[in-house]
Amino acid sequence: MSKRLLTCAVLGNFTTRSLNPALPITPAEIADDCLAAAEEGASIVHIHVRDPATELPSMEVALYAEVVSRIRDVSDDLIINLTTGNGGRFHPTDGNPVLPGPRTNLLPPDDRVRHIQEIKPDIATLDLNTMVFGGEVVINPPSSVRRMGELILAAGSRPEIELFDSGDIALLKALQKEGSLPEAPLCSIVMGVPYGFAPGPETVLYARGLLPPGAKWTAFATGRFAFPMLAQSLLAGGHVRIGLEDAVRLDAETLAPSNAAMVAKARRMMEDLGHPPLTPMEARALLDL
């Protein structure tokens, strides 16, 4: 029996309360959800923040700091993983794709990791994808990835490399070769975003086979594939991620009442498959935090 990491992805950028009223929005709600997920077995919480007034994604350092402070008031052990995904989106204007549309949020790489430099979380995500994403294009050029990785490492945080397609893994290896990213990386194989990795056992095995030696990895999927791919990741030797960022239902008929309920289901699946979740302290040892 080998234990595995269990990450709760608490809210993300795209889930809304119209999809699931249980989505946390305020820093207090987000922190409470993180702690409740930990009670059900999560060793890592992956965190975005929202503007409480508009419920839209935010990059405000103060909002991240409040969430982290509220968590740390209760738990020193729970591993905190903050996103750096915001700031890479270009929305072409219809009829004139040179003009940025209203959903454009492109930022210089230093601004995308300002909260990481100030808060110094255990883990910070680092997206390697440049791809069509909905009606927009996500742009993560190697120069930006290189700079963000440098600043994440300088903050003492561990980068979690987000991989949306096989080309992202090629970029990861190129950046490792030049010394910009560490050996034996922590990676997430992201499935279910249109035009990226398609959810399926073949995808998990294919992507796993491309990863650099020594990589610690999680494969996860969005929507109705979230729980099936959770099991597939475990069976293929990987770790687990679930939460309202990735899906809003426990099953086809049941809206998830909370992140904690999703984590509880994931924990039961892990236990049934012989790979119960690591405690936060065990996870820290595994990840060298």
C-alpha atoms as a PDB file:
ATOM      1  CA  MET A   1       0.000   0.000   0.000  1.00  0.00           C
ATOM      2  CA  SER A   2       1.460   3.399  -0.994  1.00  0.00           C
ATOM      3  CA  LYS A   3      -0.075   6.677   0.064  1.00  0.00           C
ATOM      4  CA  ARG A   4      -0.619   9.479  -2.441  1.00  0.00           C
ATOM      5  CA  LEU A   5      -1.070  13.242  -2.460  1.00  0.00           C
ATOM      6  CA  LEU A   6      -4.638  14.552  -2.416  1.00  0.00           C
ATOM      7  CA  THR A   7      -5.029  18.146  -3.610  1.00  0.00           C
ATOM      8  CA  CYS A   8      -8.245  20.128  -3.349  1.00  0.00           C
ATOM      9  CA  ALA A   9      -8.589  22.736  -6.136  1.00  0.00           C
ATOM     10  CA  VAL A  10     -10.988  25.005  -4.327  1.00  0.00           C
ATOM     11  CA  LEU A  11     -12.463  27.471  -6.832  1.00  0.00           C
ATOM     12  CA  GLY A  12     -10.397  28.310  -9.943  1.00  0.00           C
ATOM     13  CA  ASN A  13     -11.238  31.078 -12.410  1.00  0.00           C
ATOM     14  CA  PHE A  14     -14.224  29.726 -14.313  1.00  0.00           C
ATOM     15  CA  THR A  15     -16.642  28.013 -11.941  1.00  0.00           C
ATOM     16  CA  THR A  16     -19.468  30.342 -10.926  1.00  0.00           C
ATOM     17  CA  ARG A  17     -22.216  30.220  -8.343  1.00  0.00           C
ATOM     18  CA  SER A  18     -24.694  29.802 -11.172  1.00  0.00           C
ATOM     19  CA  LEU A  19     -23.014  26.426 -11.789  1.00  0.00           C
ATOM     20  CA  ASN A  20     -22.752  25.558  -8.101  1.00  0.00           C
ATOM     21  CA  PRO A  21     -24.015  27.816  -5.284  1.00  0.00           C
ATOM     22  CA  ALA A  22     -21.508  26.239  -2.876  1.00  0.00           C
ATOM     23  CA  LEU A  23     -18.545  27.910  -4.596  1.00  0.00           C
ATOM     24  CA  PRO A  24     -16.560  29.943  -2.042  1.00  0.00           C
ATOM     25  CA  ILE A  25     -15.934  33.572  -2.994  1.00  0.00           C
ATOM     26  CA  THR A  26     -14.752  35.661  -0.024  1.00  0.00           C
ATOM     27  CA  PRO A  27     -11.369  35.050   1.654  1.00  0.00           C
ATOM     28  CA  ALA A  28     -13.161  33.712   4.735  1.00  0.00           C
ATOM     29  CA  GLU A  29     -15.219  31.272   2.641  1.00  0.00           C
ATOM     30  CA  ILE A  30     -12.170  30.123   0.688  1.00  0.00           C
ATOM     31  CA  ALA A  31     -10.121  29.564   3.852  1.00  0.00           C
ATOM     32  CA  ASP A  32     -12.990  27.692   5.517  1.00  0.00           C
ATOM     33  CA  ASP A  33     -13.325  25.447   2.462  1.00  0.00           C
ATOM     34  CA  CYS A  34      -9.595  24.747   2.504  1.00  0.00           C
ATOM     35  CA  LEU A  35      -9.683  23.738   6.164  1.00  0.00           C
ATOM     36  CA  ALA A  36     -12.797  21.599   5.687  1.00  0.00           C
ATOM     37  CA  ALA A  37     -11.107  19.845   2.748  1.00  0.00           C
ATOM     38  CA  ALA A  38      -8.107  19.141   4.970  1.00  0.00           C
ATOM     39  CA  GLU A  39     -10.389  17.585   7.567  1.00  0.00           C
ATOM     40  CA  GLU A  40     -11.596  15.157   4.887  1.00  0.00           C
ATOM     41  CA  GLY A  41      -8.082  14.165   3.811  1.00  0.00           C
ATOM     42  CA  ALA A  42      -6.593  16.831   1.536  1.00  0.00           C
ATOM     43  CA  SER A  43      -2.903  17.460   2.178  1.00  0.00           C
ATOM     44  CA  ILE A  44      -2.670  20.320  -0.367  1.00  0.00           C
ATOM     45  CA  VAL A  45      -5.084  23.134  -1.198  1.00  0.00           C
ATOM     46  CA  HIS A  46      -4.807  24.900  -4.558  1.00  0.00           C
ATOM     47  CA  ILE A  47      -6.076  28.458  -4.272  1.00  0.00           C
ATOM     48  CA  HIS A  48      -7.334  31.234  -6.549  1.00  0.00           C
ATOM     49  CA  VAL A  49      -9.097  34.329  -5.203  1.00  0.00           C
ATOM     50  CA  ARG A  50     -12.090  36.385  -6.339  1.00  0.00           C
ATOM     51  CA  ASP A  51     -13.125  39.991  -5.938  1.00  0.00           C
ATOM     52  CA  PRO A  52     -15.863  39.628  -3.295  1.00  0.00           C
ATOM     53  CA  ALA A  53     -17.928  42.418  -4.884  1.00  0.00           C
ATOM     54  CA  THR A  54     -17.942  41.133  -8.470  1.00  0.00           C
ATOM     55  CA  GLU A  55     -17.115  37.422  -7.877  1.00  0.00           C
ATOM     56  CA  LEU A  56     -14.600  37.717 -10.754  1.00  0.00           C
ATOM     57  CA  PRO A  57     -11.014  36.377 -10.623  1.00  0.00           C
ATOM     58  CA  SER A  58      -8.568  38.705  -8.894  1.00  0.00           C
ATOM     59  CA  MET A  59      -4.817  39.139  -8.550  1.00  0.00           C
ATOM     60  CA  GLU A  60      -5.036  41.274  -5.398  1.00  0.00           C
ATOM     61  CA  VAL A  61      -2.175  40.315  -3.089  1.00  0.00           C
ATOM     62  CA  ALA A  62      -4.225  41.342  -0.044  1.00  0.00           C
ATOM     63  CA  LEU A  63      -6.932  38.790  -0.878  1.00  0.00           C
ATOM     64  CA  TYR A  64      -4.383  35.980  -1.175  1.00  0.00           C
ATOM     65  CA  ALA A  65      -2.697  37.122   2.021  1.00  0.00           C
ATOM     66  CA  GLU A  66      -5.987  37.072   3.930  1.00  0.00           C
ATOM     67  CA  VAL A  67      -6.813  33.545   2.761  1.00  0.00           C
ATOM     68  CA  VAL A  68      -3.365  32.263   3.714  1.00  0.00           C
ATOM     69  CA  SER A  69      -3.420  34.042   7.085  1.00  0.00           C
ATOM     70  CA  ARG A  70      -6.817  32.540   7.933  1.00  0.00           C
ATOM     71  CA  ILE A  71      -5.559  29.058   7.072  1.00  0.00           C
ATOM     72  CA  ARG A  72      -2.344  29.488   9.023  1.00  0.00           C
ATOM     73  CA  ASP A  73      -4.276  30.683  12.077  1.00  0.00           C
ATOM     74  CA  VAL A  74      -5.650  27.136  12.247  1.00  0.00           C
ATOM     75  CA  SER A  75      -3.067  24.912  10.537  1.00  0.00           C
ATOM     76  CA  ASP A  76       0.679  25.185  10.038  1.00  0.00           C
ATOM     77  CA  ASP A  77       0.852  21.820   8.267  1.00  0.00           C
ATOM     78  CA  LEU A  78      -1.621  22.089   5.404  1.00  0.00           C
ATOM     79  CA  ILE A  79       0.305  22.667   2.166  1.00  0.00           C
ATOM     80  CA  ILE A  80      -0.686  25.885   0.389  1.00  0.00           C
ATOM     81  CA  ASN A  81      -0.495  26.031  -3.405  1.00  0.00           C
ATOM     82  CA  LEU A  82      -1.246  29.435  -4.985  1.00  0.00           C
ATOM     83  CA  THR A  83      -2.022  29.918  -8.657  1.00  0.00           C
ATOM     84  CA  THR A  84      -0.021  32.132 -11.013  1.00  0.00           C
ATOM     85  CA  GLY A  85      -2.291  31.333 -13.963  1.00  0.00           C
ATOM     86  CA  ASN A  86      -3.978  34.744 -14.111  1.00  0.00           C
ATOM     87  CA  GLY A  87      -2.452  37.283 -16.462  1.00  0.00           C
ATOM     88  CA  GLY A  88      -1.832  35.106 -19.522  1.00  0.00           C
ATOM     89  CA  ARG A  89      -5.063  35.533 -21.489  1.00  0.00           C
ATOM     90  CA  PHE A  90      -5.620  37.420 -24.752  1.00  0.00           C
ATOM     91  CA  HIS A  91      -9.161  37.974 -26.024  1.00  0.00           C
ATOM     92  CA  PRO A  92      -9.113  38.952 -29.718  1.00  0.00           C
ATOM     93  CA  THR A  93     -11.714  41.490 -30.726  1.00  0.00           C
ATOM     94  CA  ASP A  94     -14.165  40.143 -33.316  1.00  0.00           C
ATOM     95  CA  GLY A  95     -13.267  41.496 -36.732  1.00  0.00           C
ATOM     96  CA  ASN A  96      -9.927  42.884 -35.576  1.00  0.00           C
ATOM     97  CA  PRO A  97      -7.898  40.283 -33.683  1.00  0.00           C
ATOM     98  CA  VAL A  98      -5.064  42.750 -33.111  1.00  0.00           C
ATOM     99  CA  LEU A  99      -7.202  44.651 -30.597  1.00  0.00           C
ATOM    100  CA  PRO A 100      -7.466  43.171 -27.086  1.00  0.00           C
ATOM    101  CA  GLY A 101     -11.051  42.442 -26.078  1.00  0.00           C
ATOM    102  CA  PRO A 102     -12.555  42.923 -22.610  1.00  0.00           C
ATOM    103  CA  ARG A 103     -11.490  39.507 -21.290  1.00  0.00           C
ATOM    104  CA  THR A 104      -7.804  40.165 -22.013  1.00  0.00           C
ATOM    105  CA  ASN A 105      -5.752  40.112 -18.796  1.00  0.00           C
ATOM    106  CA  LEU A 106      -2.159  39.921 -20.065  1.00  0.00           C
ATOM    107  CA  LEU A 107       0.410  40.948 -17.448  1.00  0.00           C
ATOM    108  CA  PRO A 108       4.216  41.060 -17.292  1.00  0.00           C
ATOM    109  CA  PRO A 109       5.625  37.915 -15.658  1.00  0.00           C
ATOM    110  CA  ASP A 110       6.787  39.786 -12.549  1.00  0.00           C
ATOM    111  CA  ASP A 111       3.220  40.957 -11.865  1.00  0.00           C
ATOM    112  CA  ARG A 112       1.849  37.427 -12.193  1.00  0.00           C
ATOM    113  CA  VAL A 113       4.015  36.237  -9.285  1.00  0.00           C
ATOM    114  CA  ARG A 114       3.897  39.321  -7.054  1.00  0.00           C
ATOM    115  CA  HIS A 115       1.747  37.471  -4.507  1.00  0.00           C
ATOM    116  CA  ILE A 116       4.171  34.537  -4.522  1.00  0.00           C
ATOM    117  CA  GLN A 117       7.108  36.805  -3.751  1.00  0.00           C
ATOM    118  CA  GLU A 118       5.274  38.466  -0.875  1.00  0.00           C
ATOM    119  CA  ILE A 119       3.466  35.464   0.650  1.00  0.00           C
ATOM    120  CA  LYS A 120       5.986  32.701  -0.140  1.00  0.00           C
ATOM    121  CA  PRO A 121       3.558  29.755  -0.271  1.00  0.00           C
ATOM    122  CA  ASP A 122       4.745  26.160  -0.219  1.00  0.00           C
ATOM    123  CA  ILE A 123       3.867  25.651  -3.909  1.00  0.00           C
ATOM    124  CA  ALA A 124       3.065  27.944  -6.839  1.00  0.00           C
ATOM    125  CA  THR A 125       1.637  26.736 -10.129  1.00  0.00           C
ATOM    126  CA  LEU A 126       3.503  27.509 -13.357  1.00  0.00           C
ATOM    127  CA  ASP A 127       1.515  27.116 -16.574  1.00  0.00           C
ATOM    128  CA  LEU A 128       3.468  26.080 -19.685  1.00  0.00           C
ATOM    129  CA  ASN A 129       0.549  26.155 -22.121  1.00  0.00           C
ATOM    130  CA  THR A 130       0.080  28.457 -25.075  1.00  0.00           C
ATOM    131  CA  MET A 131      -3.267  27.399 -26.550  1.00  0.00           C
ATOM    132  CA  VAL A 132      -6.800  28.265 -27.573  1.00  0.00           C
ATOM    133  CA  PHE A 133      -8.856  28.418 -24.373  1.00  0.00           C
ATOM    134  CA  GLY A 134     -12.552  29.037 -24.915  1.00  0.00           C
ATOM    135  CA  GLY A 135     -12.883  32.133 -27.085  1.00  0.00           C
ATOM    136  CA  GLU A 136      -9.476  33.418 -26.049  1.00  0.00           C
ATOM    137  CA  VAL A 137      -5.830  32.444 -26.362  1.00  0.00           C
ATOM    138  CA  VAL A 138      -3.607  31.690 -23.380  1.00  0.00           C
ATOM    139  CA  ILE A 139      -0.066  32.918 -23.999  1.00  0.00           C
ATOM    140  CA  ASN A 140       2.855  31.650 -21.926  1.00  0.00           C
ATOM    141  CA  PRO A 141       6.015  32.305 -23.961  1.00  0.00           C
ATOM    142  CA  PRO A 142       9.245  30.630 -22.803  1.00  0.00           C
ATOM    143  CA  SER A 143      10.659  33.981 -21.669  1.00  0.00           C
ATOM    144  CA  SER A 144       7.706  34.524 -19.307  1.00  0.00           C
ATOM    145  CA  VAL A 145       7.799  30.951 -18.000  1.00  0.00           C
ATOM    146  CA  ARG A 146      11.552  31.274 -17.432  1.00  0.00           C
ATOM    147  CA  ARG A 147      11.163  34.515 -15.491  1.00  0.00           C
ATOM    148  CA  MET A 148       8.212  33.332 -13.420  1.00  0.00           C
ATOM    149  CA  GLY A 149      10.024  30.108 -12.558  1.00  0.00           C
ATOM    150  CA  GLU A 150      13.051  32.088 -11.445  1.00  0.00           C
ATOM    151  CA  LEU A 151      10.966  34.292  -9.159  1.00  0.00           C
ATOM    152  CA  ILE A 152       8.987  31.364  -7.728  1.00  0.00           C
ATOM    153  CA  LEU A 153      12.213  29.554  -6.837  1.00  0.00           C
ATOM    154  CA  ALA A 154      13.724  32.748  -5.386  1.00  0.00           C
ATOM    155  CA  ALA A 155      10.688  33.018  -3.083  1.00  0.00           C
ATOM    156  CA  GLY A 156      11.452  29.546  -1.730  1.00  0.00           C
ATOM    157  CA  SER A 157       8.289  28.071  -3.246  1.00  0.00           C
ATOM    158  CA  ARG A 158       8.190  24.862  -5.252  1.00  0.00           C
ATOM    159  CA  PRO A 159       6.852  25.254  -8.810  1.00  0.00           C
ATOM    160  CA  GLU A 160       4.060  22.903  -9.851  1.00  0.00           C
ATOM    161  CA  ILE A 161       4.341  22.614 -13.627  1.00  0.00           C
ATOM    162  CA  GLU A 162       0.938  22.622 -15.362  1.00  0.00           C
ATOM    163  CA  LEU A 163       0.961  20.608 -18.608  1.00  0.00           C
ATOM    164  CA  PHE A 164      -1.977  20.866 -21.016  1.00  0.00           C
ATOM    165  CA  ASP A 165      -0.492  19.035 -24.027  1.00  0.00           C
ATOM    166  CA  SER A 166       2.624  17.187 -25.141  1.00  0.00           C
ATOM    167  CA  GLY A 167       4.315  20.359 -26.406  1.00  0.00           C
ATOM    168  CA  ASP A 168       4.239  21.706 -22.852  1.00  0.00           C
ATOM    169  CA  ILE A 169       6.304  18.729 -21.727  1.00  0.00           C
ATOM    170  CA  ALA A 170       8.808  19.435 -24.512  1.00  0.00           C
ATOM    171  CA  LEU A 171       9.070  23.017 -23.226  1.00  0.00           C
ATOM    172  CA  LEU A 172       9.540  21.745 -19.677  1.00  0.00           C
ATOM    173  CA  LYS A 173      12.463  19.592 -20.788  1.00  0.00           C
ATOM    174  CA  ALA A 174      14.017  22.443 -22.770  1.00  0.00           C
ATOM    175  CA  LEU A 175      13.842  24.769 -19.756  1.00  0.00           C
ATOM    176  CA  GLN A 176      15.305  22.050 -17.541  1.00  0.00           C
ATOM    177  CA  LYS A 177      18.178  21.537 -19.983  1.00  0.00           C
ATOM    178  CA  GLU A 178      19.108  25.213 -19.779  1.00  0.00           C
ATOM    179  CA  GLY A 179      18.819  25.123 -15.965  1.00  0.00           C
ATOM    180  CA  SER A 180      15.734  27.329 -15.633  1.00  0.00           C
ATOM    181  CA  LEU A 181      13.541  24.649 -14.026  1.00  0.00           C
ATOM    182  CA  PRO A 182      14.558  22.019 -11.473  1.00  0.00           C
ATOM    183  CA  GLU A 183      15.133  18.336 -12.089  1.00  0.00           C
ATOM    184  CA  ALA A 184      12.535  15.848 -10.736  1.00  0.00           C
ATOM    185  CA  PRO A 185       9.721  18.408 -11.095  1.00  0.00           C
ATOM    186  CA  LEU A 186       6.279  18.425  -9.545  1.00  0.00           C
ATOM    187  CA  CYS A 187       3.836  18.214 -12.473  1.00  0.00           C
ATOM    188  CA  SER A 188       0.122  18.249 -13.220  1.00  0.00           C
ATOM    189  CA  ILE A 189      -1.246  16.640 -16.381  1.00  0.00           C
ATOM    190  CA  VAL A 190      -4.377  18.677 -17.164  1.00  0.00           C
ATOM    191  CA  MET A 191      -7.073  16.949 -19.222  1.00  0.00           C
ATOM    192  CA  GLY A 192     -10.421  18.136 -20.504  1.00  0.00           C
ATOM    193  CA  VAL A 193      -9.618  21.658 -21.700  1.00  0.00           C
ATOM    194  CA  PRO A 194     -10.690  21.704 -25.378  1.00  0.00           C
ATOM    195  CA  TYR A 195      -7.728  21.498 -27.786  1.00  0.00           C
ATOM    196  CA  GLY A 196      -5.475  20.134 -25.043  1.00  0.00           C
ATOM    197  CA  PHE A 197      -5.024  16.663 -23.551  1.00  0.00           C
ATOM    198  CA  ALA A 198      -8.243  14.648 -23.962  1.00  0.00           C
ATOM    199  CA  PRO A 199      -9.385  12.704 -20.864  1.00  0.00           C
ATOM    200  CA  GLY A 200      -8.697   8.982 -21.116  1.00  0.00           C
ATOM    201  CA  PRO A 201      -6.425   6.224 -19.847  1.00  0.00           C
ATOM    202  CA  GLU A 202      -4.356   6.363 -23.026  1.00  0.00           C
ATOM    203  CA  THR A 203      -3.653  10.053 -22.434  1.00  0.00           C
ATOM    204  CA  VAL A 204      -2.518   9.455 -18.860  1.00  0.00           C
ATOM    205  CA  LEU A 205      -0.100   6.711 -19.893  1.00  0.00           C
ATOM    206  CA  TYR A 206       1.180   8.682 -22.885  1.00  0.00           C
ATOM    207  CA  ALA A 207       1.794  11.854 -20.880  1.00  0.00           C
ATOM    208  CA  ARG A 208       3.345   9.931 -17.994  1.00  0.00           C
ATOM    209  CA  GLY A 209       5.802   8.375 -20.434  1.00  0.00           C
ATOM    210  CA  LEU A 210       6.948  11.804 -21.634  1.00  0.00           C
ATOM    211  CA  LEU A 211       7.679  13.238 -18.187  1.00  0.00           C
ATOM    212  CA  PRO A 212      11.275  13.853 -17.071  1.00  0.00           C
ATOM    213  CA  PRO A 213      12.927  11.283 -14.800  1.00  0.00           C
ATOM    214  CA  GLY A 214      11.935  11.561 -11.166  1.00  0.00           C
ATOM    215  CA  ALA A 215       8.842  13.680 -11.787  1.00  0.00           C
ATOM    216  CA  LYS A 216       6.106  13.558  -9.172  1.00  0.00           C
ATOM    217  CA  TRP A 217       2.845  13.937 -11.027  1.00  0.00           C
ATOM    218  CA  THR A 218      -0.913  14.215 -10.819  1.00  0.00           C
ATOM    219  CA  ALA A 219      -3.283  13.639 -13.723  1.00  0.00           C
ATOM    220  CA  PHE A 220      -6.692  15.260 -13.411  1.00  0.00           C
ATOM    221  CA  ALA A 221      -9.615  16.163 -15.639  1.00  0.00           C
ATOM    222  CA  THR A 222     -12.491  18.592 -15.753  1.00  0.00           C
ATOM    223  CA  GLY A 223     -16.253  18.122 -15.654  1.00  0.00           C
ATOM    224  CA  ARG A 224     -17.724  14.630 -15.872  1.00  0.00           C
ATOM    225  CA  PHE A 225     -14.260  13.127 -16.313  1.00  0.00           C
ATOM    226  CA  ALA A 226     -12.955  14.411 -12.973  1.00  0.00           C
ATOM    227  CA  PHE A 227     -13.618  11.337 -10.831  1.00  0.00           C
ATOM    228  CA  PRO A 228     -12.903   8.699 -13.533  1.00  0.00           C
ATOM    229  CA  MET A 229      -9.508  10.286 -14.241  1.00  0.00           C
ATOM    230  CA  LEU A 230      -8.829  10.518 -10.516  1.00  0.00           C
ATOM    231  CA  ALA A 231      -8.965   6.717 -10.433  1.00  0.00           C
ATOM    232  CA  GLN A 232      -6.902   6.468 -13.622  1.00  0.00           C
ATOM    233  CA  SER A 233      -4.174   8.669 -12.168  1.00  0.00           C
ATOM    234  CA  LEU A 234      -3.956   6.454  -9.097  1.00  0.00           C
ATOM    235  CA  LEU A 235      -3.846   3.253 -11.152  1.00  0.00           C
ATOM    236  CA  ALA A 236      -1.052   4.682 -13.310  1.00  0.00           C
ATOM    237  CA  GLY A 237       1.071   5.627 -10.301  1.00  0.00           C
ATOM    238  CA  GLY A 238       0.107   9.275  -9.961  1.00  0.00           C
ATOM    239  CA  HIS A 239      -1.456  11.497  -7.352  1.00  0.00           C
ATOM    240  CA  VAL A 240      -4.948  13.001  -7.070  1.00  0.00           C
ATOM    241  CA  ARG A 241      -6.673  16.373  -7.455  1.00  0.00           C
ATOM    242  CA  ILE A 242     -10.360  17.247  -7.121  1.00  0.00           C
ATOM    243  CA  GLY A 243     -12.491  20.254  -6.220  1.00  0.00           C
ATOM    244  CA  LEU A 244     -14.954  22.849  -7.447  1.00  0.00           C
ATOM    245  CA  GLU A 245     -12.351  24.338  -9.789  1.00  0.00           C
ATOM    246  CA  ASP A 246     -12.487  21.174 -11.892  1.00  0.00           C
ATOM    247  CA  ALA A 247     -16.059  19.901 -11.514  1.00  0.00           C
ATOM    248  CA  VAL A 248     -19.317  20.829  -9.799  1.00  0.00           C
ATOM    249  CA  ARG A 249     -20.962  17.423  -9.349  1.00  0.00           C
ATOM    250  CA  LEU A 250     -20.341  14.369  -7.196  1.00  0.00           C
ATOM    251  CA  ASP A 251     -21.995  12.257  -9.888  1.00  0.00           C
ATOM    252  CA  ALA A 252     -24.317  12.749 -12.842  1.00  0.00           C
ATOM    253  CA  GLU A 253     -27.310  13.381 -10.577  1.00  0.00           C
ATOM    254  CA  THR A 254     -25.767  15.145  -7.583  1.00  0.00           C
ATOM    255  CA  LEU A 255     -24.479  18.690  -7.327  1.00  0.00           C
ATOM    256  CA  ALA A 256     -21.500  18.748  -4.961  1.00  0.00           C
ATOM    257  CA  PRO A 257     -22.574  20.367  -1.666  1.00  0.00           C
ATOM    258  CA  SER A 258     -18.994  21.465  -0.927  1.00  0.00           C
ATOM    259  CA  ASN A 259     -15.336  20.992  -1.720  1.00  0.00           C
ATOM    260  CA  ALA A 260     -15.117  18.849   1.406  1.00  0.00           C
ATOM    261  CA  ALA A 261     -17.722  16.448   0.011  1.00  0.00           C
ATOM    262  CA  MET A 262     -15.692  16.062  -3.177  1.00  0.00           C
ATOM    263  CA  VAL A 263     -12.542  15.398  -1.163  1.00  0.00           C
ATOM    264  CA  ALA A 264     -14.379  12.851   0.994  1.00  0.00           C
ATOM    265  CA  LYS A 265     -15.459  10.942  -2.118  1.00  0.00           C
ATOM    266  CA  ALA A 266     -11.912  11.104  -3.482  1.00  0.00           C
ATOM    267  CA  ARG A 267     -10.524   9.798  -0.190  1.00  0.00           C
ATOM    268  CA  ARG A 268     -12.915   6.841  -0.235  1.00  0.00           C
ATOM    269  CA  MET A 269     -11.914   6.029  -3.812  1.00  0.00           C
ATOM    270  CA  MET A 270      -8.239   6.230  -2.869  1.00  0.00           C
ATOM    271  CA  GLU A 271      -8.751   3.969   0.124  1.00  0.00           C
ATOM    272  CA  ASP A 272     -10.731   1.469  -1.944  1.00  0.00           C
ATOM    273  CA  LEU A 273      -7.938   1.370  -4.532  1.00  0.00           C
ATOM    274  CA  GLY A 274      -5.290   0.823  -1.870  1.00  0.00           C
ATOM    275  CA  HIS A 275      -3.702   4.275  -1.945  1.00  0.00           C
ATOM    276  CA  PRO A 276      -5.003   6.382   0.972  1.00  0.00           C
ATOM    277  CA  PRO A 277      -4.039  10.060   1.134  1.00  0.00           C
ATOM    278  CA  LEU A 278      -0.854  11.269   2.733  1.00  0.00           C
ATOM    279  CA  THR A 279      -1.160  13.498   5.771  1.00  0.00           C
ATOM    280  CA  PRO A 280       0.117  17.058   5.270  1.00  0.00           C
ATOM    281  CA  MET A 281       3.330  16.244   7.149  1.00  0.00           C
ATOM    282  CA  GLU A 282       3.887  13.084   5.099  1.00  0.00           C
ATOM    283  CA  ALA A 283       3.251  15.122   1.950  1.00  0.00           C
ATOM    284  CA  ARG A 284       5.796  17.723   3.062  1.00  0.00           C
ATOM    285  CA  ALA A 285       8.394  15.003   3.447  1.00  0.00           C
ATOM    286  CA  LEU A 286       7.591  13.525   0.032  1.00  0.00           C
ATOM    287  CA  LEU A 287       7.854  16.935  -1.658  1.00  0.00           C
ATOM    288  CA  ASP A 288      10.882  18.155   0.301  1.00  0.00           C
ATOM    289  CA  LEU A 289       9.049  21.225   1.572  1.00  0.00           C
END
